[in-house]
Amino acid sequence: MLLEDKQAGTLIEILDLEALISPTKDTVPGRNQAGQEEQDPEDYSKQNLAFPSGEDLPRCWLDADYRTA
C-alpha cells in the first residue's frame, strides 16, 4: 500500500499493514519511493501520512479511544 507523506509530498510504501491499522501504534515502517534506488526502511509517524488522494487516515487507525468523544 502506498501513502503520501504530508510534509514531503512523497509516496511511502507501507511495509506492515497490521501496524498501520492498529490504533495502538504511533509509527509504521515504510520505504520512501522518491528516487530510482530502493530506500532503506524507516519508521513514519501515522499522523504525517495520508492517502494519495489527500484524505486523512481513518481515526480508528490513529486513536485507540476513537469511540469516546
N, C-alpha and C. Protein backbone atom coordinates (compact mmCIF):
# COMPACT_ATOMS: atom_id res chain seq x y z
N MET A 1 0.85 -1.17 0.00
CA MET A 1 0.00 0.00 0.00
C MET A 1 0.90 1.23 0.00
N LEU A 2 0.51 2.23 -0.76
CA LEU A 2 1.24 3.48 -0.83
C LEU A 2 0.45 4.58 -0.14
N LEU A 3 1.12 5.34 0.71
CA LEU A 3 0.54 6.52 1.34
C LEU A 3 1.45 7.70 1.06
N GLU A 4 0.92 8.90 1.25
CA GLU A 4 1.69 10.11 0.99
C GLU A 4 2.17 10.72 2.29
N ASP A 5 3.43 11.13 2.31
CA ASP A 5 3.98 11.89 3.43
C ASP A 5 3.46 13.32 3.28
N LYS A 6 2.67 13.80 4.23
CA LYS A 6 2.05 15.13 4.11
C LYS A 6 3.09 16.24 4.02
N GLN A 7 4.20 16.11 4.74
CA GLN A 7 5.20 17.18 4.78
C GLN A 7 6.04 17.20 3.51
N ALA A 8 6.52 16.05 3.08
CA ALA A 8 7.42 15.99 1.92
C ALA A 8 6.67 15.85 0.60
N GLY A 9 5.44 15.33 0.64
CA GLY A 9 4.68 15.12 -0.58
C GLY A 9 5.12 13.90 -1.37
N THR A 10 5.94 13.04 -0.78
CA THR A 10 6.41 11.84 -1.46
C THR A 10 5.57 10.63 -1.06
N LEU A 11 5.61 9.61 -1.90
CA LEU A 11 4.89 8.39 -1.60
C LEU A 11 5.73 7.48 -0.72
N ILE A 12 5.06 6.81 0.22
CA ILE A 12 5.70 5.88 1.14
C ILE A 12 5.06 4.51 0.96
N GLU A 13 5.88 3.50 0.69
CA GLU A 13 5.38 2.13 0.62
C GLU A 13 5.29 1.60 2.04
N ILE A 14 4.09 1.25 2.47
CA ILE A 14 3.88 0.74 3.83
C ILE A 14 4.26 -0.74 3.86
N LEU A 15 5.13 -1.09 4.81
CA LEU A 15 5.65 -2.45 4.88
C LEU A 15 4.90 -3.34 5.87
N ASP A 16 4.13 -2.76 6.79
CA ASP A 16 3.41 -3.53 7.80
C ASP A 16 1.99 -3.00 7.92
N LEU A 17 1.06 -3.65 7.22
CA LEU A 17 -0.32 -3.18 7.22
C LEU A 17 -0.98 -3.33 8.59
N GLU A 18 -0.59 -4.34 9.36
CA GLU A 18 -1.16 -4.51 10.69
C GLU A 18 -0.78 -3.34 11.60
N ALA A 19 0.44 -2.86 11.50
CA ALA A 19 0.86 -1.69 12.29
C ALA A 19 0.10 -0.45 11.83
N LEU A 20 -0.20 -0.37 10.55
CA LEU A 20 -0.93 0.78 10.01
C LEU A 20 -2.34 0.87 10.58
N ILE A 21 -3.04 -0.25 10.63
CA ILE A 21 -4.44 -0.20 11.09
C ILE A 21 -4.58 -0.33 12.60
N SER A 22 -3.49 -0.63 13.31
CA SER A 22 -3.55 -0.74 14.77
C SER A 22 -3.55 0.64 15.40
N PRO A 23 -4.60 0.99 16.15
CA PRO A 23 -4.64 2.32 16.77
C PRO A 23 -3.66 2.47 17.93
N THR A 24 -3.05 1.38 18.37
CA THR A 24 -2.09 1.47 19.48
C THR A 24 -0.67 1.76 19.02
N LYS A 25 -0.43 1.76 17.73
CA LYS A 25 0.90 2.05 17.16
C LYS A 25 0.91 3.47 16.61
N ASP A 26 1.93 4.25 16.99
CA ASP A 26 2.05 5.63 16.51
C ASP A 26 2.85 5.75 15.22
N THR A 27 3.67 4.73 14.95
CA THR A 27 4.51 4.77 13.76
C THR A 27 4.29 3.50 12.94
N VAL A 28 4.69 3.57 11.70
CA VAL A 28 4.56 2.43 10.79
C VAL A 28 5.82 2.37 9.93
N PRO A 29 6.37 1.16 9.74
CA PRO A 29 7.56 1.06 8.89
C PRO A 29 7.19 1.22 7.42
N GLY A 30 8.03 1.95 6.72
CA GLY A 30 7.77 2.17 5.30
C GLY A 30 9.04 2.52 4.57
N ARG A 31 8.91 2.60 3.25
CA ARG A 31 10.04 2.90 2.38
C ARG A 31 9.66 4.08 1.48
N ASN A 32 10.45 5.13 1.53
CA ASN A 32 10.23 6.29 0.70
C ASN A 32 10.42 5.90 -0.76
N GLN A 33 9.52 6.33 -1.62
CA GLN A 33 9.57 5.97 -3.04
C GLN A 33 10.19 7.06 -3.91
N ALA A 34 10.84 8.04 -3.31
CA ALA A 34 11.50 9.09 -4.08
C ALA A 34 12.83 8.56 -4.61
N GLY A 35 13.14 8.89 -5.83
CA GLY A 35 14.40 8.44 -6.42
C GLY A 35 14.23 7.11 -7.13
N GLN A 36 15.30 6.67 -7.76
CA GLN A 36 15.23 5.44 -8.55
C GLN A 36 15.71 4.23 -7.78
N GLU A 37 16.53 4.43 -6.75
CA GLU A 37 17.01 3.31 -5.95
C GLU A 37 16.06 3.06 -4.79
N GLU A 38 15.95 1.79 -4.40
CA GLU A 38 15.10 1.44 -3.27
C GLU A 38 15.73 1.97 -1.99
N GLN A 39 14.94 2.67 -1.21
CA GLN A 39 15.41 3.29 0.02
C GLN A 39 15.35 2.29 1.18
N ASP A 40 16.14 2.56 2.22
CA ASP A 40 16.10 1.74 3.41
C ASP A 40 14.80 2.01 4.17
N PRO A 41 14.25 0.99 4.85
CA PRO A 41 13.02 1.19 5.64
C PRO A 41 13.25 2.18 6.78
N GLU A 42 12.23 2.97 7.05
CA GLU A 42 12.22 3.93 8.16
C GLU A 42 10.87 3.84 8.85
N ASP A 43 10.81 4.35 10.07
CA ASP A 43 9.52 4.46 10.76
C ASP A 43 8.93 5.83 10.48
N TYR A 44 7.65 5.85 10.11
CA TYR A 44 6.95 7.09 9.81
C TYR A 44 5.81 7.28 10.79
N SER A 45 5.63 8.50 11.25
CA SER A 45 4.51 8.81 12.13
C SER A 45 3.21 8.72 11.33
N LYS A 46 2.24 8.03 11.87
CA LYS A 46 0.97 7.89 11.16
C LYS A 46 0.25 9.23 11.06
N GLN A 47 0.54 10.17 11.95
CA GLN A 47 -0.08 11.49 11.91
C GLN A 47 0.35 12.26 10.66
N ASN A 48 1.52 11.93 10.12
CA ASN A 48 2.06 12.63 8.94
C ASN A 48 1.75 11.93 7.63
N LEU A 49 0.91 10.90 7.67
CA LEU A 49 0.58 10.15 6.46
C LEU A 49 -0.86 10.40 6.03
N ALA A 50 -1.10 10.33 4.75
CA ALA A 50 -2.45 10.48 4.19
C ALA A 50 -2.53 9.60 2.94
N PHE A 51 -3.73 9.36 2.50
CA PHE A 51 -3.91 8.63 1.24
C PHE A 51 -3.46 9.55 0.10
N PRO A 52 -3.00 8.99 -1.01
CA PRO A 52 -2.55 9.82 -2.14
C PRO A 52 -3.63 10.79 -2.65
N SER A 53 -4.89 10.48 -2.39
CA SER A 53 -5.98 11.37 -2.81
C SER A 53 -6.09 12.61 -1.93
N GLY A 54 -5.32 12.63 -0.81
CA GLY A 54 -5.37 13.77 0.10
C GLY A 54 -6.20 13.51 1.35
N GLU A 55 -6.94 12.41 1.37
CA GLU A 55 -7.75 12.09 2.55
C GLU A 55 -6.86 11.66 3.70
N ASP A 56 -7.22 12.09 4.91
CA ASP A 56 -6.51 11.65 6.10
C ASP A 56 -6.81 10.19 6.39
N LEU A 57 -5.95 9.57 7.19
CA LEU A 57 -6.19 8.19 7.60
C LEU A 57 -7.41 8.15 8.51
N PRO A 58 -8.14 7.04 8.53
CA PRO A 58 -9.31 6.94 9.41
C PRO A 58 -8.92 7.10 10.88
N ARG A 59 -9.76 7.75 11.63
CA ARG A 59 -9.50 8.00 13.05
C ARG A 59 -9.30 6.69 13.82
N CYS A 60 -10.00 5.63 13.43
CA CYS A 60 -9.88 4.35 14.13
C CYS A 60 -8.51 3.71 13.92
N TRP A 61 -7.72 4.19 12.98
CA TRP A 61 -6.35 3.71 12.77
C TRP A 61 -5.36 4.49 13.63
N LEU A 62 -5.78 5.67 14.12
CA LEU A 62 -4.87 6.57 14.82
C LEU A 62 -5.14 6.67 16.32
N ASP A 63 -6.37 6.50 16.72
CA ASP A 63 -6.79 6.76 18.10
C ASP A 63 -7.49 5.54 18.69
N ALA A 64 -6.87 4.94 19.71
CA ALA A 64 -7.45 3.74 20.34
C ALA A 64 -8.78 4.05 21.03
N ASP A 65 -8.99 5.32 21.41
CA ASP A 65 -10.23 5.71 22.08
C ASP A 65 -11.16 6.46 21.14
N TYR A 66 -11.18 6.05 19.88
CA TYR A 66 -11.97 6.78 18.88
C TYR A 66 -13.47 6.73 19.14
N ARG A 67 -13.92 5.79 19.92
CA ARG A 67 -15.37 5.67 20.18
C ARG A 67 -15.86 6.65 21.23
N THR A 68 -14.95 7.18 22.04
CA THR A 68 -15.36 8.14 23.06
C THR A 68 -15.19 9.55 22.52
N ALA A 69 -16.06 10.42 22.96
CA ALA A 69 -15.98 11.81 22.49
C ALA A 69 -14.89 12.50 23.19
